Amino acid sequence: MIMTKQFILGFFILLFVRVAAQDDIVKVGQQFPSFDVLSQNGQTISSKSLNGKVVLINFFATWCGPCLAELPVLEEKVWNKYKSNPNFYLLVIGRDHTESEILAFKTKRKFDLPMYPDKSKLIYSLFATKYIPRNYLVDKTGKVVYSSMGYTSDEFEKMLTVLDELLK
């Protein structure tokens, strides 16, 4: 009986992981897509201009519980550690949000990390079809070397290990 329950649970976990993986458009080992995003000071940032840097792209929404758990950790363990590193760039992109919504959210939550709007999901749709939060870690050659969906502290720590290695 216990073996049957474990088998069924394992089957559904595997099924969920397979289904979720199908929602990824950009996969580990692929080049990350070209896009432009508007910065908070009105400048356009092109993904092509980030060549030669390690880039962490995080997709979130202000209403997403796991995103709200992840963002403070992202600020503390990534932004505060690497914001002065010229070989690193962080793109925290608000899926479905306008610039004014992002600014209000940052102010309310007292975030310092850079956030960018993606009101129409134009950027997000280059990477995935659904589910947030999502992280994509891109090496200096523009290749995606790590991706994650959802938030757990263990998964986040794995990403930090990869990021630390890339920036050594």
C-alpha atoms as a PDB file:
ATOM      1  CA  MET A   1       0.000   0.000   0.000  1.00  0.00           C
ATOM      2  CA  ILE A   2       2.779   2.468   0.929  1.00  0.00           C
ATOM      3  CA  MET A   3       4.755   1.519  -2.181  1.00  0.00           C
ATOM      4  CA  THR A   4       1.671   2.151  -4.312  1.00  0.00           C
ATOM      5  CA  LYS A   5       1.162   5.616  -2.791  1.00  0.00           C
ATOM      6  CA  GLN A   6       4.843   6.445  -3.295  1.00  0.00           C
ATOM      7  CA  PHE A   7       4.681   5.241  -6.892  1.00  0.00           C
ATOM      8  CA  ILE A   8       1.567   7.295  -7.615  1.00  0.00           C
ATOM      9  CA  LEU A   9       3.058  10.390  -5.956  1.00  0.00           C
ATOM     10  CA  GLY A  10       6.307   9.922  -7.888  1.00  0.00           C
ATOM     11  CA  PHE A  11       4.395   9.508 -11.133  1.00  0.00           C
ATOM     12  CA  PHE A  12       2.471  12.765 -10.641  1.00  0.00           C
ATOM     13  CA  ILE A  13       5.606  14.679  -9.676  1.00  0.00           C
ATOM     14  CA  LEU A  14       7.344  13.397 -12.811  1.00  0.00           C
ATOM     15  CA  LEU A  15       4.291  14.256 -14.908  1.00  0.00           C
ATOM     16  CA  PHE A  16       4.179  17.801 -13.481  1.00  0.00           C
ATOM     17  CA  VAL A  17       7.886  18.328 -14.154  1.00  0.00           C
ATOM     18  CA  ARG A  18       7.491  17.092 -17.750  1.00  0.00           C
ATOM     19  CA  VAL A  19       4.449  19.304 -18.367  1.00  0.00           C
ATOM     20  CA  ALA A  20       6.143  22.336 -16.804  1.00  0.00           C
ATOM     21  CA  ALA A  21       9.284  21.738 -18.865  1.00  0.00           C
ATOM     22  CA  GLN A  22       7.150  21.891 -22.003  1.00  0.00           C
ATOM     23  CA  ASP A  23       6.255  25.457 -21.033  1.00  0.00           C
ATOM     24  CA  ASP A  24       9.889  26.505 -21.457  1.00  0.00           C
ATOM     25  CA  ILE A  25      10.638  28.024 -24.832  1.00  0.00           C
ATOM     26  CA  VAL A  26      14.268  28.780 -24.014  1.00  0.00           C
ATOM     27  CA  LYS A  27      16.097  25.765 -22.651  1.00  0.00           C
ATOM     28  CA  VAL A  28      19.461  25.268 -20.986  1.00  0.00           C
ATOM     29  CA  GLY A  29      22.152  25.114 -23.660  1.00  0.00           C
ATOM     30  CA  GLN A  30      20.411  27.536 -26.018  1.00  0.00           C
ATOM     31  CA  GLN A  31      21.302  31.156 -26.733  1.00  0.00           C
ATOM     32  CA  PHE A  32      19.015  33.588 -25.026  1.00  0.00           C
ATOM     33  CA  PRO A  33      16.714  35.539 -27.346  1.00  0.00           C
ATOM     34  CA  SER A  34      17.124  39.112 -28.530  1.00  0.00           C
ATOM     35  CA  PHE A  35      14.869  41.695 -26.928  1.00  0.00           C
ATOM     36  CA  ASP A  36      14.779  45.292 -25.733  1.00  0.00           C
ATOM     37  CA  VAL A  37      13.503  46.433 -22.346  1.00  0.00           C
ATOM     38  CA  LEU A  38      12.882  49.956 -21.083  1.00  0.00           C
ATOM     39  CA  SER A  39      14.855  50.853 -17.950  1.00  0.00           C
ATOM     40  CA  GLN A  40      13.515  52.941 -15.085  1.00  0.00           C
ATOM     41  CA  ASN A  41      15.369  56.011 -16.313  1.00  0.00           C
ATOM     42  CA  GLY A  42      13.855  55.689 -19.787  1.00  0.00           C
ATOM     43  CA  GLN A  43      16.820  54.076 -21.538  1.00  0.00           C
ATOM     44  CA  THR A  44      16.388  51.046 -23.760  1.00  0.00           C
ATOM     45  CA  ILE A  45      18.490  48.059 -22.772  1.00  0.00           C
ATOM     46  CA  SER A  46      19.135  45.578 -25.556  1.00  0.00           C
ATOM     47  CA  SER A  47      19.891  41.968 -24.714  1.00  0.00           C
ATOM     48  CA  LYS A  48      22.642  42.168 -27.341  1.00  0.00           C
ATOM     49  CA  SER A  49      24.365  44.884 -25.286  1.00  0.00           C
ATOM     50  CA  LEU A  50      24.730  42.359 -22.454  1.00  0.00           C
ATOM     51  CA  ASN A  51      27.092  40.085 -24.408  1.00  0.00           C
ATOM     52  CA  GLY A  52      30.210  39.438 -22.371  1.00  0.00           C
ATOM     53  CA  LYS A  53      28.325  39.661 -19.067  1.00  0.00           C
ATOM     54  CA  VAL A  54      26.743  37.057 -16.843  1.00  0.00           C
ATOM     55  CA  VAL A  55      23.017  37.864 -16.846  1.00  0.00           C
ATOM     56  CA  LEU A  56      20.315  36.720 -14.459  1.00  0.00           C
ATOM     57  CA  ILE A  57      16.800  37.216 -15.812  1.00  0.00           C
ATOM     58  CA  ASN A  58      13.975  36.905 -13.302  1.00  0.00           C
ATOM     59  CA  PHE A  59      10.311  37.017 -14.300  1.00  0.00           C
ATOM     60  CA  PHE A  60       7.801  37.880 -11.574  1.00  0.00           C
ATOM     61  CA  ALA A  61       4.383  39.396 -10.909  1.00  0.00           C
ATOM     62  CA  THR A  62       3.337  41.570  -7.986  1.00  0.00           C
ATOM     63  CA  TRP A  63       0.396  39.260  -7.182  1.00  0.00           C
ATOM     64  CA  CYS A  64       2.453  36.022  -7.214  1.00  0.00           C
ATOM     65  CA  GLY A  65       3.054  34.535  -3.743  1.00  0.00           C
ATOM     66  CA  PRO A  66       6.225  32.594  -4.631  1.00  0.00           C
ATOM     67  CA  CYS A  67       7.553  35.711  -6.406  1.00  0.00           C
ATOM     68  CA  LEU A  68       6.971  37.770  -3.265  1.00  0.00           C
ATOM     69  CA  ALA A  69       8.952  35.186  -1.292  1.00  0.00           C
ATOM     70  CA  GLU A  70      11.784  35.082  -3.846  1.00  0.00           C
ATOM     71  CA  LEU A  71      12.322  38.796  -4.541  1.00  0.00           C
ATOM     72  CA  PRO A  72      13.709  39.761  -1.092  1.00  0.00           C
ATOM     73  CA  VAL A  73      16.126  36.819  -1.304  1.00  0.00           C
ATOM     74  CA  LEU A  74      17.098  37.859  -4.832  1.00  0.00           C
ATOM     75  CA  GLU A  75      17.836  41.367  -3.600  1.00  0.00           C
ATOM     76  CA  GLU A  76      19.792  40.202  -0.562  1.00  0.00           C
ATOM     77  CA  LYS A  77      21.782  37.311  -2.020  1.00  0.00           C
ATOM     78  CA  VAL A  78      22.264  38.436  -5.627  1.00  0.00           C
ATOM     79  CA  TRP A  79      21.750  42.178  -6.087  1.00  0.00           C
ATOM     80  CA  ASN A  80      23.511  43.296  -2.908  1.00  0.00           C
ATOM     81  CA  LYS A  81      26.422  40.953  -3.607  1.00  0.00           C
ATOM     82  CA  TYR A  82      26.956  41.577  -7.332  1.00  0.00           C
ATOM     83  CA  LYS A  83      25.516  45.018  -8.163  1.00  0.00           C
ATOM     84  CA  SER A  84      29.013  46.519  -8.346  1.00  0.00           C
ATOM     85  CA  ASN A  85      30.431  43.704 -10.470  1.00  0.00           C
ATOM     86  CA  PRO A  86      30.952  45.006 -14.035  1.00  0.00           C
ATOM     87  CA  ASN A  87      30.638  41.437 -15.380  1.00  0.00           C
ATOM     88  CA  PHE A  88      27.094  40.971 -14.025  1.00  0.00           C
ATOM     89  CA  TYR A  89      23.676  42.265 -15.051  1.00  0.00           C
ATOM     90  CA  LEU A  90      20.343  41.619 -13.346  1.00  0.00           C
ATOM     91  CA  LEU A  91      17.038  41.910 -15.200  1.00  0.00           C
ATOM     92  CA  VAL A  92      14.013  41.576 -12.924  1.00  0.00           C
ATOM     93  CA  ILE A  93      11.054  41.747 -15.294  1.00  0.00           C
ATOM     94  CA  GLY A  94       7.471  42.294 -14.171  1.00  0.00           C
ATOM     95  CA  ARG A  95       5.252  40.169 -16.380  1.00  0.00           C
ATOM     96  CA  ASP A  96       1.953  41.942 -17.140  1.00  0.00           C
ATOM     97  CA  HIS A  97       3.018  45.147 -15.362  1.00  0.00           C
ATOM     98  CA  THR A  98       3.393  48.757 -16.461  1.00  0.00           C
ATOM     99  CA  GLU A  99       6.250  51.023 -15.471  1.00  0.00           C
ATOM    100  CA  SER A 100       4.032  52.850 -12.946  1.00  0.00           C
ATOM    101  CA  GLU A 101       2.902  49.562 -11.374  1.00  0.00           C
ATOM    102  CA  ILE A 102       6.516  48.439 -11.032  1.00  0.00           C
ATOM    103  CA  LEU A 103       7.519  51.751  -9.440  1.00  0.00           C
ATOM    104  CA  ALA A 104       4.626  51.615  -6.947  1.00  0.00           C
ATOM    105  CA  PHE A 105       5.488  48.001  -6.079  1.00  0.00           C
ATOM    106  CA  LYS A 106       9.178  48.816  -5.566  1.00  0.00           C
ATOM    107  CA  THR A 107       8.322  51.787  -3.375  1.00  0.00           C
ATOM    108  CA  LYS A 108       5.804  49.864  -1.257  1.00  0.00           C
ATOM    109  CA  ARG A 109       8.134  46.883  -0.766  1.00  0.00           C
ATOM    110  CA  LYS A 110      11.278  49.064  -0.451  1.00  0.00           C
ATOM    111  CA  PHE A 111      13.174  47.166  -3.146  1.00  0.00           C
ATOM    112  CA  ASP A 112      16.439  48.555  -4.470  1.00  0.00           C
ATOM    113  CA  LEU A 113      17.005  46.015  -7.234  1.00  0.00           C
ATOM    114  CA  PRO A 114      16.291  47.104 -10.813  1.00  0.00           C
ATOM    115  CA  MET A 115      12.875  46.116 -12.160  1.00  0.00           C
ATOM    116  CA  TYR A 116      11.561  46.426 -15.688  1.00  0.00           C
ATOM    117  CA  PRO A 117       7.998  46.324 -17.072  1.00  0.00           C
ATOM    118  CA  ASP A 118       6.722  43.766 -19.577  1.00  0.00           C
ATOM    119  CA  LYS A 119       3.064  44.829 -19.814  1.00  0.00           C
ATOM    120  CA  SER A 120       2.202  42.740 -22.866  1.00  0.00           C
ATOM    121  CA  LYS A 121       4.428  39.758 -21.979  1.00  0.00           C
ATOM    122  CA  LEU A 122       6.466  40.379 -25.128  1.00  0.00           C
ATOM    123  CA  ILE A 123       9.734  39.486 -23.396  1.00  0.00           C
ATOM    124  CA  TYR A 124       8.286  36.737 -21.217  1.00  0.00           C
ATOM    125  CA  SER A 125       6.745  35.027 -24.255  1.00  0.00           C
ATOM    126  CA  LEU A 126      10.232  34.648 -25.756  1.00  0.00           C
ATOM    127  CA  PHE A 127      11.201  32.487 -22.761  1.00  0.00           C
ATOM    128  CA  ALA A 128       8.105  30.601 -21.584  1.00  0.00           C
ATOM    129  CA  THR A 129       4.365  30.200 -21.988  1.00  0.00           C
ATOM    130  CA  LYS A 130       3.315  30.135 -18.322  1.00  0.00           C
ATOM    131  CA  TYR A 131       4.316  29.891 -14.661  1.00  0.00           C
ATOM    132  CA  ILE A 132       6.318  32.301 -12.547  1.00  0.00           C
ATOM    133  CA  PRO A 133       8.642  33.048 -10.918  1.00  0.00           C
ATOM    134  CA  ARG A 134      11.206  31.992 -13.480  1.00  0.00           C
ATOM    135  CA  ASN A 135      14.956  32.496 -13.529  1.00  0.00           C
ATOM    136  CA  TYR A 136      17.336  32.172 -16.454  1.00  0.00           C
ATOM    137  CA  LEU A 137      21.066  32.402 -15.876  1.00  0.00           C
ATOM    138  CA  VAL A 138      23.047  33.329 -18.981  1.00  0.00           C
ATOM    139  CA  ASP A 139      26.826  32.998 -19.320  1.00  0.00           C
ATOM    140  CA  LYS A 140      29.162  35.516 -20.960  1.00  0.00           C
ATOM    141  CA  THR A 141      28.655  33.905 -24.375  1.00  0.00           C
ATOM    142  CA  GLY A 142      24.876  34.399 -24.220  1.00  0.00           C
ATOM    143  CA  LYS A 143      24.087  30.741 -23.528  1.00  0.00           C
ATOM    144  CA  VAL A 144      21.446  29.807 -20.957  1.00  0.00           C
ATOM    145  CA  VAL A 145      23.257  27.669 -18.385  1.00  0.00           C
ATOM    146  CA  TYR A 146      20.563  27.415 -15.720  1.00  0.00           C
ATOM    147  CA  SER A 147      16.807  27.843 -15.499  1.00  0.00           C
ATOM    148  CA  SER A 148      14.254  27.400 -12.758  1.00  0.00           C
ATOM    149  CA  MET A 149      10.533  27.741 -12.287  1.00  0.00           C
ATOM    150  CA  GLY A 150       8.840  28.425  -8.966  1.00  0.00           C
ATOM    151  CA  TYR A 151      10.674  29.234  -5.782  1.00  0.00           C
ATOM    152  CA  THR A 152      12.261  27.026  -3.156  1.00  0.00           C
ATOM    153  CA  SER A 153      15.259  27.966  -1.065  1.00  0.00           C
ATOM    154  CA  ASP A 154      17.092  24.802  -2.203  1.00  0.00           C
ATOM    155  CA  GLU A 155      16.586  25.618  -5.887  1.00  0.00           C
ATOM    156  CA  PHE A 156      17.639  29.213  -5.291  1.00  0.00           C
ATOM    157  CA  GLU A 157      20.833  28.044  -3.564  1.00  0.00           C
ATOM    158  CA  LYS A 158      21.641  25.833  -6.576  1.00  0.00           C
ATOM    159  CA  MET A 159      21.284  28.872  -8.821  1.00  0.00           C
ATOM    160  CA  LEU A 160      23.550  30.902  -6.517  1.00  0.00           C
ATOM    161  CA  THR A 161      26.217  28.204  -6.738  1.00  0.00           C
ATOM    162  CA  VAL A 162      26.146  28.370 -10.549  1.00  0.00           C
ATOM    163  CA  LEU A 163      26.175  32.185 -10.468  1.00  0.00           C
ATOM    164  CA  ASP A 164      29.143  32.253  -8.085  1.00  0.00           C
ATOM    165  CA  GLU A 165      31.063  29.899 -10.395  1.00  0.00           C
ATOM    166  CA  LEU A 166      30.325  32.020 -13.465  1.00  0.00           C
ATOM    167  CA  LEU A 167      31.572  35.169 -11.743  1.00  0.00           C
ATOM    168  CA  LYS A 168      34.815  33.739 -10.310  1.00  0.00           C
END
